[in-house]
Amino acid sequence: MELIIEETQYIPIAEAAREMETTHLQILILIRRNMMKGCEVDGEWYVEKSAIPSFKDLVMDDNKAVGCRASCASGGCGGGN
């Protein structure tokens, strides 16, 4: 389900993660770092749809750039070393 806020189209982070070939956690990290515009509505997170193409290449080229930088090194979320 997409969402329109102030004439801007938003999509759920699950959909954005599929399009970007990454995880919803990495999308949330992008939002937290103010690298991608997002909002929470009724407990669901959404991201600005127009930003997806520019971030898709970033995520695919270097997952560490948007990873959580945790020291666990598990790699399960795509952010470990």
Protein backbone atom coordinates (compact mmCIF):
# COMPACT_ATOMS: atom_id res chain seq x y z
CA MET A 1 0.00 0.00 0.00
CA GLU A 2 1.47 3.31 -0.97
CA LEU A 3 0.93 6.51 0.92
CA ILE A 4 0.79 10.12 -0.28
CA ILE A 5 1.92 12.82 2.14
CA GLU A 6 2.11 16.43 0.99
CA GLU A 7 2.13 15.32 -2.67
CA THR A 8 5.04 12.89 -2.06
CA GLN A 9 4.61 9.18 -2.70
CA TYR A 10 5.81 6.77 0.01
CA ILE A 11 6.01 2.96 -0.04
CA PRO A 12 6.36 0.47 2.83
CA ILE A 13 9.94 -0.35 3.80
CA ALA A 14 9.33 -4.03 2.96
CA GLU A 15 8.59 -3.05 -0.65
CA ALA A 16 11.56 -0.67 -0.74
CA ALA A 17 13.83 -3.43 0.59
CA ARG A 18 12.69 -5.78 -2.19
CA GLU A 19 13.27 -3.13 -4.84
CA MET A 20 16.70 -2.28 -3.42
CA GLU A 21 17.60 -5.95 -2.90
CA THR A 22 18.42 -5.37 0.75
CA THR A 23 16.79 -5.73 4.16
CA HIS A 24 14.23 -3.58 5.92
CA LEU A 25 16.83 -3.04 8.66
CA GLN A 26 19.17 -1.34 6.21
CA ILE A 27 16.31 0.87 5.03
CA LEU A 28 15.64 1.90 8.63
CA ILE A 29 19.34 2.68 9.07
CA LEU A 30 19.23 4.95 6.00
CA ILE A 31 16.22 6.74 7.48
CA ARG A 32 17.91 7.08 10.89
CA ARG A 33 21.02 8.57 9.29
CA ASN A 34 18.85 11.04 7.35
CA MET A 35 20.11 9.54 4.10
CA MET A 36 16.58 8.63 3.01
CA LYS A 37 13.30 10.31 3.83
CA GLY A 38 10.93 8.10 5.78
CA CYS A 39 8.03 8.29 8.17
CA GLU A 40 6.14 6.06 10.56
CA VAL A 41 2.37 5.89 10.22
CA ASP A 42 0.31 3.68 12.54
CA GLY A 43 3.38 1.62 13.43
CA GLU A 44 4.41 1.03 9.77
CA TRP A 45 7.50 2.61 8.23
CA TYR A 46 7.39 4.14 4.75
CA VAL A 47 10.08 5.62 2.53
CA GLU A 48 9.96 8.17 -0.25
CA LYS A 49 9.53 6.19 -3.46
CA SER A 50 11.44 8.64 -5.66
CA ALA A 51 14.60 8.05 -3.58
CA ILE A 52 14.72 4.29 -4.26
CA PRO A 53 16.64 4.35 -7.58
CA SER A 54 19.49 6.51 -6.25
CA PHE A 55 19.95 4.35 -3.15
CA LYS A 56 19.58 1.01 -4.91
CA ASP A 57 23.05 1.34 -6.46
CA LEU A 58 24.57 2.44 -3.15
CA VAL A 59 23.20 -0.56 -1.28
CA MET A 60 24.12 -3.05 -3.99
CA ASP A 61 27.66 -1.67 -4.42
CA ASP A 62 28.63 -1.43 -0.77
CA ASN A 63 26.32 -2.88 1.89
CA LYS A 64 28.84 -1.83 4.54
CA ALA A 65 28.10 1.82 3.70
CA VAL A 66 24.59 1.41 5.11
CA GLY A 67 25.19 -1.47 7.54
CA CYS A 68 24.73 -1.24 11.25
CA ARG A 69 28.50 -1.48 11.80
CA ALA A 70 27.88 -3.92 14.64
CA SER A 71 30.85 -5.79 15.97
CA CYS A 72 28.99 -9.10 15.87
CA ALA A 73 30.36 -9.92 12.38
CA SER A 74 27.47 -12.33 11.85
CA GLY A 75 26.63 -10.97 8.43
CA GLY A 76 23.04 -12.08 8.98
CA CYS A 77 21.69 -8.59 8.48
CA GLY A 78 24.15 -7.65 5.77
CA GLY A 79 25.97 -5.25 8.05
CA GLY A 80 28.57 -7.49 9.66
CA ASN A 81 32.17 -7.67 8.49
